[in-house]
Amino acid sequence: MPRVGDFRRAGAMGTMGPPAANRPVGTRGDDMGVDDIINKGKQLFEQNRDKIEEALKSEKAEEVSDKLLDGASEAIKKVVPTERHAKVDEVRENVDKNIGNA
């Protein structure tokens, strides 16, 4: 009967090589390298730039961003000194100007 920990001795570096987390990226045919993933993301962004920009300026994006920004600014205000609250509000407003339709 196997004992606890036996799988580590037998399987971690057995015939299949190191676990995927320890294997260098791109060492198997089905793994994408980091550069490949970044390039694919760039391609998708460029192909859909108009749709992305439209979505970022939508009413729904404004609602979601307002909720996220409000929550984040309130959380930050709980951990920073009171004299920094105005700066937190300023940064929140600057971010909000670039997201949504407001």
N, C-alpha and C. Protein backbone atom coordinates (compact mmCIF):
# COMPACT_ATOMS: atom_id res chain seq x y z
N MET A 1 0.85 -1.17 0.00
CA MET A 1 0.00 0.00 0.00
C MET A 1 0.90 1.24 0.00
N PRO A 2 0.64 2.22 -0.89
CA PRO A 2 1.46 3.43 -0.92
C PRO A 2 1.29 4.24 0.36
N ARG A 3 2.35 4.90 0.73
CA ARG A 3 2.31 5.76 1.91
C ARG A 3 2.23 7.22 1.46
N VAL A 4 1.77 8.07 2.37
CA VAL A 4 1.71 9.50 2.09
C VAL A 4 3.12 9.97 1.74
N GLY A 5 3.24 10.71 0.68
CA GLY A 5 4.54 11.23 0.27
C GLY A 5 5.22 10.38 -0.77
N ASP A 6 4.77 9.11 -0.98
CA ASP A 6 5.39 8.26 -1.98
C ASP A 6 5.29 8.85 -3.38
N PHE A 7 4.16 9.54 -3.66
CA PHE A 7 3.99 10.11 -4.99
C PHE A 7 5.07 11.14 -5.30
N ARG A 8 5.55 11.82 -4.28
CA ARG A 8 6.61 12.80 -4.51
C ARG A 8 7.90 12.12 -4.93
N ARG A 9 8.22 11.05 -4.27
CA ARG A 9 9.46 10.35 -4.61
C ARG A 9 9.37 9.69 -5.97
N ALA A 10 8.22 9.10 -6.29
CA ALA A 10 8.09 8.32 -7.51
C ALA A 10 7.70 9.15 -8.72
N GLY A 11 6.83 10.15 -8.54
CA GLY A 11 6.26 10.79 -9.71
C GLY A 11 6.78 12.15 -10.06
N ALA A 12 7.30 12.89 -9.13
CA ALA A 12 7.63 14.28 -9.43
C ALA A 12 8.67 14.40 -10.53
N MET A 13 9.65 13.53 -10.55
CA MET A 13 10.66 13.59 -11.59
C MET A 13 10.76 12.24 -12.31
N GLY A 14 9.66 11.51 -12.34
CA GLY A 14 9.66 10.18 -12.95
C GLY A 14 9.93 10.25 -14.43
N THR A 15 9.36 9.35 -15.19
CA THR A 15 9.66 9.25 -16.62
C THR A 15 9.09 10.41 -17.43
N MET A 16 8.16 11.14 -16.85
CA MET A 16 7.52 12.22 -17.61
C MET A 16 8.25 13.55 -17.46
N GLY A 17 9.30 13.63 -16.70
CA GLY A 17 10.03 14.87 -16.54
C GLY A 17 9.43 15.73 -15.45
N PRO A 18 9.90 16.95 -15.33
CA PRO A 18 9.43 17.82 -14.25
C PRO A 18 7.98 18.23 -14.47
N PRO A 19 7.26 18.55 -13.39
CA PRO A 19 5.90 19.04 -13.54
C PRO A 19 5.87 20.29 -14.40
N ALA A 20 4.72 20.57 -14.99
CA ALA A 20 4.60 21.70 -15.91
C ALA A 20 5.04 23.02 -15.29
N ALA A 21 4.79 23.21 -13.99
CA ALA A 21 5.17 24.46 -13.34
C ALA A 21 6.68 24.64 -13.31
N ASN A 22 7.43 23.54 -13.38
CA ASN A 22 8.89 23.63 -13.32
C ASN A 22 9.55 23.51 -14.69
N ARG A 23 8.76 23.33 -15.72
CA ARG A 23 9.27 23.15 -17.06
C ARG A 23 9.42 24.50 -17.74
N PRO A 24 10.51 24.76 -18.43
CA PRO A 24 10.65 26.05 -19.13
C PRO A 24 9.54 26.22 -20.16
N VAL A 25 9.08 27.44 -20.33
CA VAL A 25 8.02 27.74 -21.28
C VAL A 25 8.51 27.40 -22.68
N GLY A 26 7.64 26.80 -23.45
CA GLY A 26 7.96 26.51 -24.84
C GLY A 26 8.73 25.22 -25.04
N THR A 27 8.83 24.35 -24.02
CA THR A 27 9.59 23.12 -24.19
C THR A 27 8.76 21.98 -24.73
N ARG A 28 7.44 22.16 -24.83
CA ARG A 28 6.57 21.15 -25.42
C ARG A 28 5.86 21.77 -26.60
N GLY A 29 5.46 20.98 -27.53
CA GLY A 29 4.83 21.49 -28.73
C GLY A 29 3.53 22.23 -28.50
N ASP A 30 2.78 21.90 -27.43
CA ASP A 30 1.50 22.55 -27.22
C ASP A 30 1.57 23.76 -26.31
N ASP A 31 2.74 24.11 -25.82
CA ASP A 31 2.91 25.29 -24.97
C ASP A 31 3.18 26.51 -25.84
N MET A 32 2.51 27.62 -25.50
CA MET A 32 2.80 28.88 -26.17
C MET A 32 3.83 29.63 -25.33
N GLY A 33 4.79 30.25 -25.95
CA GLY A 33 5.74 31.07 -25.24
C GLY A 33 5.09 32.38 -24.83
N VAL A 34 5.69 33.05 -23.88
CA VAL A 34 5.16 34.32 -23.39
C VAL A 34 5.08 35.33 -24.53
N ASP A 35 6.11 35.38 -25.36
CA ASP A 35 6.10 36.31 -26.49
C ASP A 35 4.95 36.02 -27.44
N ASP A 36 4.67 34.72 -27.66
CA ASP A 36 3.56 34.34 -28.54
C ASP A 36 2.23 34.83 -27.96
N ILE A 37 2.07 34.69 -26.67
CA ILE A 37 0.83 35.12 -26.01
C ILE A 37 0.67 36.63 -26.11
N ILE A 38 1.75 37.37 -25.85
CA ILE A 38 1.71 38.83 -25.94
C ILE A 38 1.39 39.27 -27.36
N ASN A 39 2.04 38.65 -28.34
CA ASN A 39 1.79 39.02 -29.74
C ASN A 39 0.36 38.71 -30.16
N LYS A 40 -0.17 37.59 -29.70
CA LYS A 40 -1.56 37.25 -30.01
C LYS A 40 -2.51 38.28 -29.39
N GLY A 41 -2.21 38.68 -28.15
CA GLY A 41 -3.02 39.71 -27.49
C GLY A 41 -2.99 41.03 -28.25
N LYS A 42 -1.81 41.41 -28.72
CA LYS A 42 -1.68 42.64 -29.50
C LYS A 42 -2.48 42.56 -30.80
N GLN A 43 -2.41 41.40 -31.46
CA GLN A 43 -3.17 41.21 -32.70
C GLN A 43 -4.67 41.34 -32.44
N LEU A 44 -5.14 40.67 -31.40
CA LEU A 44 -6.57 40.72 -31.08
C LEU A 44 -6.99 42.14 -30.74
N PHE A 45 -6.15 42.86 -30.00
CA PHE A 45 -6.47 44.24 -29.66
C PHE A 45 -6.58 45.09 -30.93
N GLU A 46 -5.61 44.98 -31.81
CA GLU A 46 -5.62 45.79 -33.03
C GLU A 46 -6.82 45.44 -33.91
N GLN A 47 -7.16 44.15 -33.99
CA GLN A 47 -8.29 43.73 -34.81
C GLN A 47 -9.61 44.23 -34.26
N ASN A 48 -9.67 44.45 -32.95
CA ASN A 48 -10.93 44.82 -32.29
C ASN A 48 -10.86 46.19 -31.62
N ARG A 49 -9.92 47.02 -32.02
CA ARG A 49 -9.71 48.32 -31.38
C ARG A 49 -10.99 49.16 -31.31
N ASP A 50 -11.73 49.25 -32.40
CA ASP A 50 -12.96 50.06 -32.42
C ASP A 50 -13.99 49.55 -31.42
N LYS A 51 -14.18 48.24 -31.38
CA LYS A 51 -15.14 47.65 -30.45
C LYS A 51 -14.71 47.87 -29.00
N ILE A 52 -13.41 47.75 -28.74
CA ILE A 52 -12.90 47.95 -27.38
C ILE A 52 -13.09 49.38 -26.94
N GLU A 53 -12.74 50.32 -27.81
CA GLU A 53 -12.90 51.74 -27.47
C GLU A 53 -14.38 52.09 -27.26
N GLU A 54 -15.25 51.53 -28.07
CA GLU A 54 -16.68 51.76 -27.92
C GLU A 54 -17.18 51.20 -26.59
N ALA A 55 -16.70 50.01 -26.23
CA ALA A 55 -17.12 49.39 -24.97
C ALA A 55 -16.63 50.20 -23.77
N LEU A 56 -15.43 50.75 -23.87
CA LEU A 56 -14.89 51.54 -22.77
C LEU A 56 -15.65 52.85 -22.57
N LYS A 57 -16.32 53.32 -23.60
CA LYS A 57 -17.08 54.57 -23.52
C LYS A 57 -18.57 54.34 -23.33
N SER A 58 -18.97 53.12 -23.02
CA SER A 58 -20.39 52.81 -22.90
C SER A 58 -20.93 53.19 -21.52
N GLU A 59 -22.25 53.23 -21.42
CA GLU A 59 -22.92 53.53 -20.14
C GLU A 59 -22.63 52.42 -19.13
N LYS A 60 -22.62 51.18 -19.60
CA LYS A 60 -22.34 50.04 -18.69
C LYS A 60 -20.92 50.16 -18.13
N ALA A 61 -19.96 50.52 -18.98
CA ALA A 61 -18.59 50.69 -18.51
C ALA A 61 -18.52 51.81 -17.47
N GLU A 62 -19.30 52.86 -17.68
CA GLU A 62 -19.34 53.97 -16.72
C GLU A 62 -19.87 53.49 -15.37
N GLU A 63 -20.95 52.72 -15.39
CA GLU A 63 -21.53 52.21 -14.14
C GLU A 63 -20.54 51.31 -13.40
N VAL A 64 -19.94 50.39 -14.13
CA VAL A 64 -19.00 49.44 -13.52
C VAL A 64 -17.77 50.17 -13.00
N SER A 65 -17.24 51.08 -13.82
CA SER A 65 -16.03 51.79 -13.40
C SER A 65 -16.30 52.67 -12.18
N ASP A 66 -17.47 53.29 -12.14
CA ASP A 66 -17.80 54.11 -10.97
C ASP A 66 -17.84 53.27 -9.70
N LYS A 67 -18.44 52.10 -9.78
CA LYS A 67 -18.50 51.22 -8.61
C LYS A 67 -17.11 50.77 -8.19
N LEU A 68 -16.30 50.37 -9.15
CA LEU A 68 -14.94 49.92 -8.83
C LEU A 68 -14.09 51.05 -8.26
N LEU A 69 -14.16 52.20 -8.91
CA LEU A 69 -13.36 53.33 -8.45
C LEU A 69 -13.81 53.82 -7.08
N ASP A 70 -15.12 53.84 -6.84
CA ASP A 70 -15.62 54.23 -5.51
C ASP A 70 -15.12 53.27 -4.44
N GLY A 71 -15.24 51.98 -4.72
CA GLY A 71 -14.79 50.98 -3.76
C GLY A 71 -13.30 51.06 -3.50
N ALA A 72 -12.52 51.23 -4.57
CA ALA A 72 -11.07 51.31 -4.41
C ALA A 72 -10.66 52.56 -3.64
N SER A 73 -11.27 53.69 -3.98
CA SER A 73 -10.89 54.93 -3.29
C SER A 73 -11.28 54.88 -1.82
N GLU A 74 -12.44 54.30 -1.51
CA GLU A 74 -12.85 54.19 -0.10
C GLU A 74 -11.92 53.25 0.67
N ALA A 75 -11.50 52.16 0.03
CA ALA A 75 -10.57 51.23 0.68
C ALA A 75 -9.23 51.90 0.94
N ILE A 76 -8.76 52.67 -0.03
CA ILE A 76 -7.48 53.37 0.13
C ILE A 76 -7.57 54.41 1.24
N LYS A 77 -8.69 55.12 1.29
CA LYS A 77 -8.86 56.15 2.32
C LYS A 77 -8.83 55.56 3.74
N LYS A 78 -9.17 54.29 3.86
CA LYS A 78 -9.13 53.65 5.18
C LYS A 78 -7.71 53.41 5.68
N VAL A 79 -6.75 53.38 4.76
CA VAL A 79 -5.37 53.07 5.17
C VAL A 79 -4.39 54.22 5.01
N VAL A 80 -4.82 55.32 4.37
CA VAL A 80 -3.91 56.46 4.23
C VAL A 80 -4.33 57.56 5.20
N PRO A 81 -3.40 58.43 5.54
CA PRO A 81 -3.75 59.54 6.43
C PRO A 81 -4.81 60.45 5.80
N THR A 82 -5.60 61.09 6.65
CA THR A 82 -6.70 61.95 6.19
C THR A 82 -6.22 63.03 5.24
N GLU A 83 -5.04 63.57 5.47
CA GLU A 83 -4.54 64.64 4.60
C GLU A 83 -4.27 64.16 3.17
N ARG A 84 -4.29 62.87 2.92
CA ARG A 84 -4.09 62.31 1.57
C ARG A 84 -5.41 62.00 0.86
N HIS A 85 -6.54 62.15 1.53
CA HIS A 85 -7.82 61.81 0.93
C HIS A 85 -8.13 62.65 -0.30
N ALA A 86 -7.76 63.91 -0.30
CA ALA A 86 -8.02 64.77 -1.46
C ALA A 86 -7.24 64.26 -2.68
N LYS A 87 -6.03 63.78 -2.48
CA LYS A 87 -5.23 63.24 -3.59
C LYS A 87 -5.86 61.96 -4.11
N VAL A 88 -6.39 61.13 -3.22
CA VAL A 88 -7.07 59.90 -3.63
C VAL A 88 -8.27 60.27 -4.51
N ASP A 89 -9.04 61.27 -4.09
CA ASP A 89 -10.21 61.71 -4.88
C ASP A 89 -9.77 62.26 -6.23
N GLU A 90 -8.68 62.99 -6.27
CA GLU A 90 -8.16 63.56 -7.52
C GLU A 90 -7.77 62.45 -8.49
N VAL A 91 -7.06 61.45 -8.01
CA VAL A 91 -6.64 60.34 -8.87
C VAL A 91 -7.86 59.58 -9.36
N ARG A 92 -8.84 59.37 -8.47
CA ARG A 92 -10.06 58.67 -8.85
C ARG A 92 -10.76 59.39 -9.99
N GLU A 93 -10.87 60.71 -9.89
CA GLU A 93 -11.53 61.51 -10.94
C GLU A 93 -10.76 61.46 -12.25
N ASN A 94 -9.44 61.51 -12.20
CA ASN A 94 -8.63 61.43 -13.42
C ASN A 94 -8.80 60.09 -14.12
N VAL A 95 -8.85 59.01 -13.36
CA VAL A 95 -9.06 57.69 -13.96
C VAL A 95 -10.47 57.63 -14.54
N ASP A 96 -11.45 58.15 -13.82
CA ASP A 96 -12.84 58.08 -14.26
C ASP A 96 -13.06 58.83 -15.59
N LYS A 97 -12.31 59.90 -15.79
CA LYS A 97 -12.44 60.67 -17.04
C LYS A 97 -12.10 59.83 -18.26
N ASN A 98 -11.27 58.80 -18.09
CA ASN A 98 -10.80 58.01 -19.23
C ASN A 98 -11.56 56.71 -19.43
N ILE A 99 -12.52 56.43 -18.57
CA ILE A 99 -13.31 55.20 -18.68
C ILE A 99 -14.79 55.57 -18.64
N GLY A 100 -15.56 54.92 -19.47
CA GLY A 100 -17.00 55.18 -19.48
C GLY A 100 -17.32 56.38 -20.34
N ASN A 101 -18.54 56.89 -20.20
CA ASN A 101 -18.98 57.97 -21.09
C ASN A 101 -19.11 59.32 -20.38
N ALA A 102 -18.64 59.43 -19.17
CA ALA A 102 -18.77 60.70 -18.44
C ALA A 102 -17.64 61.64 -18.78
